[in-house]
Amino acid sequence: MGAAVYFVHTSAREGVDSIGEARVLGLPVYGETLHQYACFNAEYYKTPRGFCSHTYPSLKFPEDQEALWDGLVHDGLSTLATDEYPTSARAEAPRAHHRGRDRRQRGRGGAASASPTREGVVKRGMTLERFAEITATNAAKIFGLYPRKGVIAPGSDADFALHRPDDPQDARQARTST
């Protein structure tokens, strides 16, 4: 029909493979994954605060996580997004009675300690240009907001953040922010 398709919350290897196959055929098919899926897998649920990185669908297996990174680094996936709104355990406590008795049921999704910059750029060799594409430029283009959004250029909105993935202070803040 010629209509574009944008898959959100791609979390499994099969999804990455299907999106990649459609893209190779030149179809307007786009895939988004969340930073939780890229930075964590189901093994993380076994850690003391592992459920705090839960989202829907749930975290998958290490081979799915690897496929997501392959898609992000090499153009199989279009965007890396986030659905998180990080809060502290203290802020969560007053609402506990609304979310269930078990702490795992009360946990809010998100993963403030996840650093897709560190994982993608530092550990996996993703270029900074590619990182800018998957976190800003591609989404702006797909949704018709480019060049007002998604690029730092004269006349564009200057929405950006600075992050130093190899700076110990940034790494320490990321680890303690959950």
N, C-alpha and C. Protein backbone atom coordinates (compact mmCIF):
# COMPACT_ATOMS: atom_id res chain seq x y z
N MET A 1 0.82 -1.19 0.00
CA MET A 1 0.00 0.00 0.00
C MET A 1 0.86 1.26 0.00
N GLY A 2 2.15 1.11 0.28
CA GLY A 2 3.03 2.26 0.28
C GLY A 2 3.10 3.02 1.59
N ALA A 3 2.33 2.60 2.58
CA ALA A 3 2.35 3.28 3.88
C ALA A 3 3.55 2.82 4.70
N ALA A 4 4.14 3.75 5.42
CA ALA A 4 5.25 3.41 6.28
C ALA A 4 4.75 2.70 7.54
N VAL A 5 5.61 1.84 8.10
CA VAL A 5 5.31 1.14 9.34
C VAL A 5 6.45 1.42 10.31
N TYR A 6 6.09 1.78 11.54
CA TYR A 6 7.07 2.08 12.58
C TYR A 6 6.81 1.14 13.76
N PHE A 7 7.71 0.18 13.96
CA PHE A 7 7.56 -0.78 15.05
C PHE A 7 8.22 -0.23 16.31
N VAL A 8 7.44 -0.13 17.38
CA VAL A 8 7.97 0.35 18.66
C VAL A 8 8.33 -0.84 19.54
N HIS A 9 9.22 -0.61 20.48
CA HIS A 9 9.61 -1.60 21.49
C HIS A 9 10.10 -2.91 20.87
N THR A 10 10.83 -2.84 19.79
CA THR A 10 11.43 -4.05 19.22
C THR A 10 12.39 -4.60 20.27
N SER A 11 12.18 -5.85 20.66
CA SER A 11 12.96 -6.39 21.78
C SER A 11 13.59 -7.75 21.48
N ALA A 12 13.27 -8.36 20.35
CA ALA A 12 13.77 -9.71 20.05
C ALA A 12 14.47 -9.76 18.70
N ARG A 13 15.37 -10.71 18.56
CA ARG A 13 16.14 -10.91 17.34
C ARG A 13 15.24 -11.06 16.12
N GLU A 14 14.13 -11.79 16.28
CA GLU A 14 13.23 -12.00 15.14
C GLU A 14 12.67 -10.69 14.62
N GLY A 15 12.38 -9.76 15.50
CA GLY A 15 11.89 -8.45 15.08
C GLY A 15 12.94 -7.67 14.33
N VAL A 16 14.17 -7.68 14.85
CA VAL A 16 15.28 -7.00 14.17
C VAL A 16 15.49 -7.60 12.79
N ASP A 17 15.47 -8.93 12.69
CA ASP A 17 15.67 -9.60 11.41
C ASP A 17 14.57 -9.24 10.41
N SER A 18 13.32 -9.24 10.85
CA SER A 18 12.20 -8.93 9.96
C SER A 18 12.26 -7.48 9.46
N ILE A 19 12.58 -6.57 10.35
CA ILE A 19 12.71 -5.16 9.95
C ILE A 19 13.85 -5.00 8.97
N GLY A 20 14.96 -5.65 9.24
CA GLY A 20 16.12 -5.58 8.34
C GLY A 20 15.81 -6.13 6.96
N GLU A 21 15.08 -7.24 6.90
CA GLU A 21 14.70 -7.81 5.60
C GLU A 21 13.83 -6.85 4.81
N ALA A 22 12.89 -6.20 5.46
CA ALA A 22 12.01 -5.24 4.78
C ALA A 22 12.80 -4.03 4.30
N ARG A 23 13.76 -3.58 5.09
CA ARG A 23 14.57 -2.42 4.71
C ARG A 23 15.44 -2.74 3.50
N VAL A 24 15.98 -3.96 3.45
CA VAL A 24 16.79 -4.36 2.30
C VAL A 24 15.96 -4.32 1.02
N LEU A 25 14.67 -4.62 1.12
CA LEU A 25 13.76 -4.58 -0.04
C LEU A 25 13.33 -3.15 -0.38
N GLY A 26 13.80 -2.18 0.41
CA GLY A 26 13.46 -0.79 0.15
C GLY A 26 12.10 -0.37 0.68
N LEU A 27 11.51 -1.18 1.54
CA LEU A 27 10.19 -0.85 2.08
C LEU A 27 10.32 0.19 3.20
N PRO A 28 9.32 1.05 3.36
CA PRO A 28 9.37 2.07 4.42
C PRO A 28 9.00 1.49 5.78
N VAL A 29 9.87 0.63 6.28
CA VAL A 29 9.66 -0.04 7.56
C VAL A 29 10.76 0.41 8.50
N TYR A 30 10.36 0.83 9.69
CA TYR A 30 11.30 1.36 10.67
C TYR A 30 11.13 0.63 11.99
N GLY A 31 12.22 0.49 12.71
CA GLY A 31 12.18 -0.19 14.00
C GLY A 31 12.82 0.65 15.08
N GLU A 32 12.16 0.68 16.23
CA GLU A 32 12.66 1.37 17.40
C GLU A 32 12.88 0.34 18.49
N THR A 33 13.93 0.51 19.24
CA THR A 33 14.10 -0.28 20.45
C THR A 33 14.30 0.68 21.61
N LEU A 34 14.14 0.18 22.80
CA LEU A 34 14.35 0.99 23.99
C LEU A 34 15.74 0.74 24.55
N HIS A 35 16.27 1.72 25.24
CA HIS A 35 17.60 1.54 25.81
C HIS A 35 17.62 0.42 26.84
N GLN A 36 16.49 0.14 27.51
CA GLN A 36 16.46 -0.98 28.46
C GLN A 36 16.80 -2.30 27.76
N TYR A 37 16.22 -2.52 26.57
CA TYR A 37 16.47 -3.76 25.85
C TYR A 37 17.92 -3.86 25.39
N ALA A 38 18.50 -2.73 25.02
CA ALA A 38 19.88 -2.72 24.55
C ALA A 38 20.88 -2.90 25.69
N CYS A 39 20.57 -2.32 26.84
CA CYS A 39 21.53 -2.33 27.94
C CYS A 39 21.34 -3.45 28.95
N PHE A 40 20.18 -4.11 28.93
CA PHE A 40 19.91 -5.18 29.89
C PHE A 40 19.28 -6.37 29.17
N ASN A 41 19.40 -7.55 29.76
CA ASN A 41 18.66 -8.70 29.26
C ASN A 41 18.00 -9.39 30.46
N ALA A 42 17.31 -10.48 30.22
CA ALA A 42 16.52 -11.13 31.27
C ALA A 42 17.35 -11.56 32.47
N GLU A 43 18.64 -11.75 32.30
CA GLU A 43 19.50 -12.11 33.43
C GLU A 43 19.50 -11.01 34.49
N TYR A 44 19.26 -9.77 34.08
CA TYR A 44 19.28 -8.65 35.00
C TYR A 44 18.14 -8.74 36.02
N TYR A 45 17.06 -9.44 35.69
CA TYR A 45 15.96 -9.61 36.65
C TYR A 45 16.43 -10.32 37.91
N LYS A 46 17.51 -11.06 37.84
CA LYS A 46 18.01 -11.82 38.99
C LYS A 46 18.76 -10.95 40.00
N THR A 47 19.06 -9.69 39.64
CA THR A 47 19.78 -8.81 40.55
C THR A 47 18.80 -8.16 41.52
N PRO A 48 19.30 -7.61 42.64
CA PRO A 48 18.40 -7.06 43.65
C PRO A 48 17.40 -6.01 43.13
N ARG A 49 17.81 -5.15 42.22
CA ARG A 49 16.88 -4.14 41.70
C ARG A 49 16.60 -4.39 40.23
N GLY A 50 16.77 -5.61 39.81
CA GLY A 50 16.61 -5.95 38.40
C GLY A 50 15.25 -5.64 37.82
N PHE A 51 14.23 -5.74 38.62
CA PHE A 51 12.89 -5.49 38.09
C PHE A 51 12.66 -4.01 37.77
N CYS A 52 13.51 -3.15 38.28
CA CYS A 52 13.37 -1.73 38.00
C CYS A 52 13.64 -1.41 36.53
N SER A 53 14.24 -2.31 35.80
CA SER A 53 14.48 -2.10 34.36
C SER A 53 13.40 -2.77 33.51
N HIS A 54 12.39 -3.28 34.15
CA HIS A 54 11.32 -3.96 33.42
C HIS A 54 10.50 -2.96 32.59
N THR A 55 10.10 -3.40 31.43
CA THR A 55 9.20 -2.64 30.59
C THR A 55 8.38 -3.64 29.78
N TYR A 56 7.57 -3.17 28.88
CA TYR A 56 6.72 -4.08 28.11
C TYR A 56 7.01 -3.96 26.64
N PRO A 57 7.26 -5.06 25.94
CA PRO A 57 7.41 -6.42 26.47
C PRO A 57 8.63 -6.53 27.37
N SER A 58 8.77 -7.64 28.04
CA SER A 58 9.83 -7.82 29.03
C SER A 58 11.20 -7.91 28.36
N LEU A 59 12.24 -7.81 29.20
CA LEU A 59 13.61 -7.99 28.72
C LEU A 59 13.77 -9.41 28.17
N LYS A 60 14.57 -9.54 27.15
CA LYS A 60 14.75 -10.83 26.48
C LYS A 60 16.11 -11.43 26.81
N PHE A 61 16.59 -12.31 25.94
CA PHE A 61 17.80 -13.09 26.17
C PHE A 61 19.04 -12.39 25.61
N PRO A 62 20.24 -12.82 26.04
CA PRO A 62 21.47 -12.19 25.54
C PRO A 62 21.57 -12.16 24.02
N GLU A 63 21.12 -13.21 23.33
CA GLU A 63 21.20 -13.21 21.86
C GLU A 63 20.27 -12.16 21.23
N ASP A 64 19.16 -11.85 21.89
CA ASP A 64 18.28 -10.78 21.43
C ASP A 64 18.96 -9.43 21.63
N GLN A 65 19.59 -9.27 22.79
CA GLN A 65 20.30 -8.04 23.09
C GLN A 65 21.41 -7.80 22.06
N GLU A 66 22.14 -8.84 21.70
CA GLU A 66 23.20 -8.71 20.68
C GLU A 66 22.62 -8.30 19.33
N ALA A 67 21.49 -8.88 18.96
CA ALA A 67 20.84 -8.53 17.69
C ALA A 67 20.40 -7.07 17.69
N LEU A 68 19.91 -6.59 18.82
CA LEU A 68 19.52 -5.19 18.93
C LEU A 68 20.71 -4.27 18.71
N TRP A 69 21.83 -4.60 19.36
CA TRP A 69 23.02 -3.77 19.18
C TRP A 69 23.52 -3.83 17.75
N ASP A 70 23.46 -5.00 17.14
CA ASP A 70 23.88 -5.10 15.74
C ASP A 70 23.00 -4.20 14.87
N GLY A 71 21.70 -4.21 15.13
CA GLY A 71 20.78 -3.36 14.37
C GLY A 71 21.00 -1.88 14.62
N LEU A 72 21.33 -1.52 15.85
CA LEU A 72 21.58 -0.11 16.17
C LEU A 72 22.89 0.38 15.57
N VAL A 73 23.93 -0.43 15.67
CA VAL A 73 25.24 -0.01 15.18
C VAL A 73 25.30 -0.03 13.65
N HIS A 74 24.65 -1.02 13.04
CA HIS A 74 24.79 -1.22 11.59
C HIS A 74 23.55 -0.90 10.77
N ASP A 75 22.61 -0.15 11.26
CA ASP A 75 21.50 0.37 10.47
C ASP A 75 20.31 -0.55 10.29
N GLY A 76 20.18 -1.63 11.06
CA GLY A 76 18.98 -2.46 10.96
C GLY A 76 17.80 -1.86 11.73
N LEU A 77 18.11 -1.11 12.78
CA LEU A 77 17.08 -0.40 13.55
C LEU A 77 17.26 1.10 13.32
N SER A 78 16.15 1.81 13.38
CA SER A 78 16.18 3.24 13.06
C SER A 78 16.39 4.14 14.26
N THR A 79 15.83 3.76 15.42
CA THR A 79 15.90 4.65 16.56
C THR A 79 16.09 3.90 17.88
N LEU A 80 16.70 4.59 18.81
CA LEU A 80 16.84 4.14 20.20
C LEU A 80 16.05 5.14 21.02
N ALA A 81 15.03 4.65 21.70
CA ALA A 81 14.13 5.55 22.42
C ALA A 81 14.13 5.20 23.90
N THR A 82 13.33 5.92 24.65
CA THR A 82 13.17 5.64 26.07
C THR A 82 11.73 5.92 26.47
N ASP A 83 11.22 5.08 27.32
CA ASP A 83 9.90 5.28 27.91
C ASP A 83 10.03 5.51 29.41
N GLU A 84 11.21 5.82 29.86
CA GLU A 84 11.41 5.88 31.30
C GLU A 84 11.10 7.25 31.89
N TYR A 85 10.78 7.24 33.14
CA TYR A 85 10.72 8.45 33.95
C TYR A 85 11.33 8.06 35.28
N PRO A 86 12.66 8.19 35.40
CA PRO A 86 13.33 7.70 36.60
C PRO A 86 12.89 8.43 37.86
N THR A 87 12.71 7.66 38.91
CA THR A 87 12.40 8.20 40.23
C THR A 87 13.21 7.43 41.25
N SER A 88 13.38 7.99 42.39
CA SER A 88 14.12 7.31 43.44
C SER A 88 13.19 6.35 44.18
N ALA A 89 13.79 5.43 44.92
CA ALA A 89 12.99 4.50 45.73
C ALA A 89 12.20 5.28 46.77
N ARG A 90 12.74 6.37 47.28
CA ARG A 90 12.05 7.20 48.27
C ARG A 90 10.79 7.81 47.66
N ALA A 91 10.88 8.33 46.45
CA ALA A 91 9.71 8.93 45.79
C ALA A 91 8.66 7.89 45.48
N GLU A 92 9.10 6.66 45.28
CA GLU A 92 8.18 5.57 44.96
C GLU A 92 7.41 5.10 46.19
N ALA A 93 8.00 5.18 47.37
CA ALA A 93 7.41 4.61 48.59
C ALA A 93 6.01 5.11 48.92
N PRO A 94 5.71 6.41 48.85
CA PRO A 94 4.34 6.84 49.21
C PRO A 94 3.26 6.26 48.31
N ARG A 95 3.60 5.87 47.10
CA ARG A 95 2.61 5.33 46.18
C ARG A 95 2.53 3.81 46.25
N ALA A 96 3.31 3.20 47.12
CA ALA A 96 3.42 1.75 47.13
C ALA A 96 2.09 1.04 47.29
N HIS A 97 1.20 1.59 48.11
CA HIS A 97 -0.08 0.91 48.34
C HIS A 97 -0.95 0.89 47.09
N HIS A 98 -0.67 1.75 46.13
CA HIS A 98 -1.46 1.78 44.89
C HIS A 98 -0.99 0.76 43.86
N ARG A 99 0.24 0.27 44.00
CA ARG A 99 0.82 -0.55 42.96
C ARG A 99 0.93 -2.02 43.31
N GLY A 100 0.52 -2.43 44.49
CA GLY A 100 0.64 -3.83 44.88
C GLY A 100 1.48 -3.98 46.13
N ARG A 101 1.40 -5.12 46.74
CA ARG A 101 2.12 -5.33 47.99
C ARG A 101 3.57 -5.69 47.77
N ASP A 102 3.84 -6.47 46.78
CA ASP A 102 5.19 -6.95 46.50
C ASP A 102 6.00 -5.84 45.84
N ARG A 103 7.21 -5.60 46.31
CA ARG A 103 8.05 -4.52 45.77
C ARG A 103 8.25 -4.68 44.27
N ARG A 104 8.35 -5.90 43.77
CA ARG A 104 8.52 -6.10 42.34
C ARG A 104 7.32 -5.60 41.57
N GLN A 105 6.13 -5.67 42.15
CA GLN A 105 4.93 -5.15 41.50
C GLN A 105 4.89 -3.63 41.56
N ARG A 106 5.51 -3.04 42.59
CA ARG A 106 5.49 -1.59 42.75
C ARG A 106 6.54 -0.90 41.88
N GLY A 107 7.59 -1.64 41.49
CA GLY A 107 8.69 -1.02 40.77
C GLY A 107 8.23 -0.35 39.48
N ARG A 108 8.71 0.82 39.27
CA ARG A 108 8.41 1.54 38.04
C ARG A 108 9.43 1.16 37.00
N GLY A 109 9.03 1.15 35.76
CA GLY A 109 9.95 0.84 34.69
C GLY A 109 10.99 1.92 34.53
N GLY A 110 12.00 1.60 33.77
CA GLY A 110 13.05 2.57 33.50
C GLY A 110 14.39 2.02 33.92
N ALA A 111 15.43 2.69 33.51
CA ALA A 111 16.76 2.22 33.83
C ALA A 111 17.71 3.39 33.80
N ALA A 112 17.64 4.22 34.83
CA ALA A 112 18.46 5.42 34.85
C ALA A 112 19.94 5.09 34.84
N SER A 113 20.32 3.88 35.23
CA SER A 113 21.74 3.53 35.24
C SER A 113 22.22 3.05 33.88
N ALA A 114 21.33 2.88 32.94
CA ALA A 114 21.73 2.41 31.61
C ALA A 114 22.39 3.53 30.84
N SER A 115 23.50 3.22 30.20
CA SER A 115 24.19 4.22 29.39
C SER A 115 24.36 3.70 27.98
N PRO A 116 23.40 3.97 27.09
CA PRO A 116 23.57 3.52 25.72
C PRO A 116 24.75 4.19 25.04
N THR A 117 25.15 5.38 25.49
CA THR A 117 26.33 6.02 24.92
C THR A 117 27.56 5.20 25.24
N ARG A 118 27.72 4.86 26.51
CA ARG A 118 28.90 4.08 26.91
C ARG A 118 28.92 2.72 26.20
N GLU A 119 27.78 2.04 26.21
CA GLU A 119 27.72 0.71 25.60
C GLU A 119 27.92 0.78 24.09
N GLY A 120 27.20 1.67 23.43
CA GLY A 120 27.26 1.73 21.97
C GLY A 120 28.52 2.34 21.43
N VAL A 121 28.88 3.52 21.93
CA VAL A 121 30.01 4.26 21.38
C VAL A 121 31.34 3.73 21.92
N VAL A 122 31.45 3.60 23.23
CA VAL A 122 32.72 3.21 23.83
C VAL A 122 33.00 1.72 23.65
N LYS A 123 32.04 0.88 23.99
CA LYS A 123 32.28 -0.57 23.98
C LYS A 123 32.10 -1.21 22.60
N ARG A 124 31.16 -0.72 21.80
CA ARG A 124 30.82 -1.40 20.54
C ARG A 124 31.29 -0.65 19.31
N GLY A 125 31.94 0.48 19.48
CA GLY A 125 32.52 1.19 18.35
C GLY A 125 31.53 1.94 17.47
N MET A 126 30.34 2.23 17.98
CA MET A 126 29.38 3.01 17.20
C MET A 126 29.95 4.42 17.02
N THR A 127 29.84 4.96 15.82
CA THR A 127 30.31 6.33 15.60
C THR A 127 29.39 7.31 16.30
N LEU A 128 29.91 8.46 16.63
CA LEU A 128 29.08 9.49 17.24
C LEU A 128 28.00 9.95 16.26
N GLU A 129 28.31 9.96 14.97
CA GLU A 129 27.31 10.31 13.96
C GLU A 129 26.15 9.32 13.98
N ARG A 130 26.46 8.04 14.07
CA ARG A 130 25.41 7.02 14.12
C ARG A 130 24.60 7.17 15.42
N PHE A 131 25.28 7.45 16.53
CA PHE A 131 24.57 7.64 17.78
C PHE A 131 23.59 8.81 17.67
N ALA A 132 24.01 9.90 17.05
CA ALA A 132 23.12 11.06 16.84
C ALA A 132 21.94 10.67 15.95
N GLU A 133 22.20 9.84 14.93
CA GLU A 133 21.12 9.39 14.04
C GLU A 133 20.06 8.60 14.81
N ILE A 134 20.48 7.61 15.60
CA ILE A 134 19.51 6.73 16.26
C ILE A 134 18.82 7.39 17.44
N THR A 135 19.42 8.44 18.01
CA THR A 135 18.80 9.09 19.16
C THR A 135 18.06 10.37 18.81
N ALA A 136 18.25 10.91 17.61
CA ALA A 136 17.60 12.19 17.29
C ALA A 136 17.23 12.33 15.80
N THR A 137 18.21 12.26 14.93
CA THR A 137 17.98 12.59 13.52
C THR A 137 16.97 11.68 12.85
N ASN A 138 17.11 10.37 13.01
CA ASN A 138 16.20 9.45 12.31
C ASN A 138 14.75 9.64 12.72
N ALA A 139 14.50 9.75 14.01
CA ALA A 139 13.11 9.95 14.46
C ALA A 139 12.55 11.25 13.90
N ALA A 140 13.35 12.30 13.89
CA ALA A 140 12.87 13.58 13.34
C ALA A 140 12.53 13.44 11.87
N LYS A 141 13.32 12.70 11.13
CA LYS A 141 13.05 12.50 9.70
C LYS A 141 11.81 11.63 9.51
N ILE A 142 11.71 10.53 10.22
CA ILE A 142 10.58 9.61 10.08
C ILE A 142 9.26 10.32 10.37
N PHE A 143 9.25 11.18 11.38
CA PHE A 143 8.00 11.83 11.79
C PHE A 143 7.82 13.22 11.21
N GLY A 144 8.63 13.58 10.22
CA GLY A 144 8.46 14.83 9.51
C GLY A 144 8.83 16.08 10.30
N LEU A 145 9.70 15.96 11.26
CA LEU A 145 10.11 17.11 12.07
C LEU A 145 11.48 17.67 11.67
N TYR A 146 12.16 16.97 10.79
CA TYR A 146 13.50 17.37 10.35
C TYR A 146 13.36 18.47 9.30
N PRO A 147 14.13 19.51 9.29
CA PRO A 147 15.31 19.81 10.11
C PRO A 147 15.04 20.70 11.31
N ARG A 148 13.77 20.97 11.63
CA ARG A 148 13.50 21.76 12.84
C ARG A 148 14.01 21.03 14.07
N LYS A 149 13.89 19.71 14.08
CA LYS A 149 14.39 18.86 15.16
C LYS A 149 15.37 17.85 14.57
N GLY A 150 16.18 17.27 15.42
CA GLY A 150 17.04 16.17 15.01
C GLY A 150 18.40 16.55 14.48
N VAL A 151 18.72 17.83 14.48
CA VAL A 151 20.02 18.27 13.98
C VAL A 151 20.39 19.57 14.70
N ILE A 152 21.68 19.74 14.94
CA ILE A 152 22.15 21.01 15.48
C ILE A 152 22.64 21.82 14.30
N ALA A 153 21.83 22.81 13.91
CA ALA A 153 22.12 23.62 12.73
C ALA A 153 21.43 24.96 12.87
N PRO A 154 21.90 25.97 12.15
CA PRO A 154 21.22 27.27 12.20
C PRO A 154 19.73 27.12 11.85
N GLY A 155 18.87 27.72 12.67
CA GLY A 155 17.44 27.67 12.44
C GLY A 155 16.75 26.47 13.07
N SER A 156 17.48 25.50 13.54
CA SER A 156 16.91 24.32 14.18
C SER A 156 16.82 24.55 15.68
N ASP A 157 15.89 23.84 16.34
CA ASP A 157 15.82 23.90 17.79
C ASP A 157 17.10 23.31 18.37
N ALA A 158 17.64 23.93 19.36
CA ALA A 158 18.91 23.49 19.94
C ALA A 158 18.67 22.63 21.17
N ASP A 159 18.01 21.49 21.00
CA ASP A 159 17.76 20.57 22.10
C ASP A 159 18.87 19.53 22.11
N PHE A 160 19.77 19.61 23.07
CA PHE A 160 20.81 18.60 23.14
C PHE A 160 21.35 18.51 24.56
N ALA A 161 22.03 17.42 24.84
CA ALA A 161 22.65 17.20 26.14
C ALA A 161 24.09 16.77 25.91
N LEU A 162 24.93 17.08 26.86
CA LEU A 162 26.33 16.67 26.78
C LEU A 162 26.53 15.47 27.70
N HIS A 163 27.25 14.49 27.21
CA HIS A 163 27.54 13.29 28.01
C HIS A 163 28.94 12.84 27.67
N ARG A 164 29.73 12.56 28.69
CA ARG A 164 31.10 12.10 28.49
C ARG A 164 31.16 10.65 28.94
N PRO A 165 30.99 9.70 28.02
CA PRO A 165 30.90 8.29 28.42
C PRO A 165 32.16 7.73 29.04
N ASP A 166 33.31 8.37 28.80
CA ASP A 166 34.54 7.84 29.37
C ASP A 166 34.96 8.60 30.63
N ASP A 167 34.13 9.51 31.11
CA ASP A 167 34.44 10.28 32.31
C ASP A 167 33.97 9.51 33.54
N PRO A 168 34.86 9.24 34.49
CA PRO A 168 34.47 8.48 35.69
C PRO A 168 33.34 9.14 36.47
N GLN A 169 33.27 10.46 36.50
CA GLN A 169 32.20 11.16 37.22
C GLN A 169 30.85 10.85 36.59
N ASP A 170 30.75 10.89 35.25
CA ASP A 170 29.49 10.56 34.58
C ASP A 170 29.10 9.12 34.85
N ALA A 171 30.06 8.20 34.82
CA ALA A 171 29.78 6.79 35.07
C ALA A 171 29.30 6.60 36.51
N ARG A 172 29.93 7.27 37.45
CA ARG A 172 29.54 7.15 38.85
C ARG A 172 28.12 7.69 39.06
N GLN A 173 27.79 8.83 38.44
CA GLN A 173 26.45 9.38 38.57
C GLN A 173 25.41 8.44 37.96
N ALA A 174 25.72 7.82 36.85
CA ALA A 174 24.79 6.91 36.21
C ALA A 174 24.52 5.71 37.12
N ARG A 175 25.56 5.17 37.75
CA ARG A 175 25.38 4.01 38.62
C ARG A 175 24.56 4.35 39.86
N THR A 176 24.68 5.57 40.36
CA THR A 176 24.00 5.90 41.61
C THR A 176 22.64 6.54 41.40
N SER A 177 22.22 6.73 40.17
CA SER A 177 20.96 7.43 39.93
C SER A 177 19.73 6.55 39.98
N THR A 178 19.88 5.24 40.17
CA THR A 178 18.70 4.38 40.22
C THR A 178 18.09 4.35 41.58
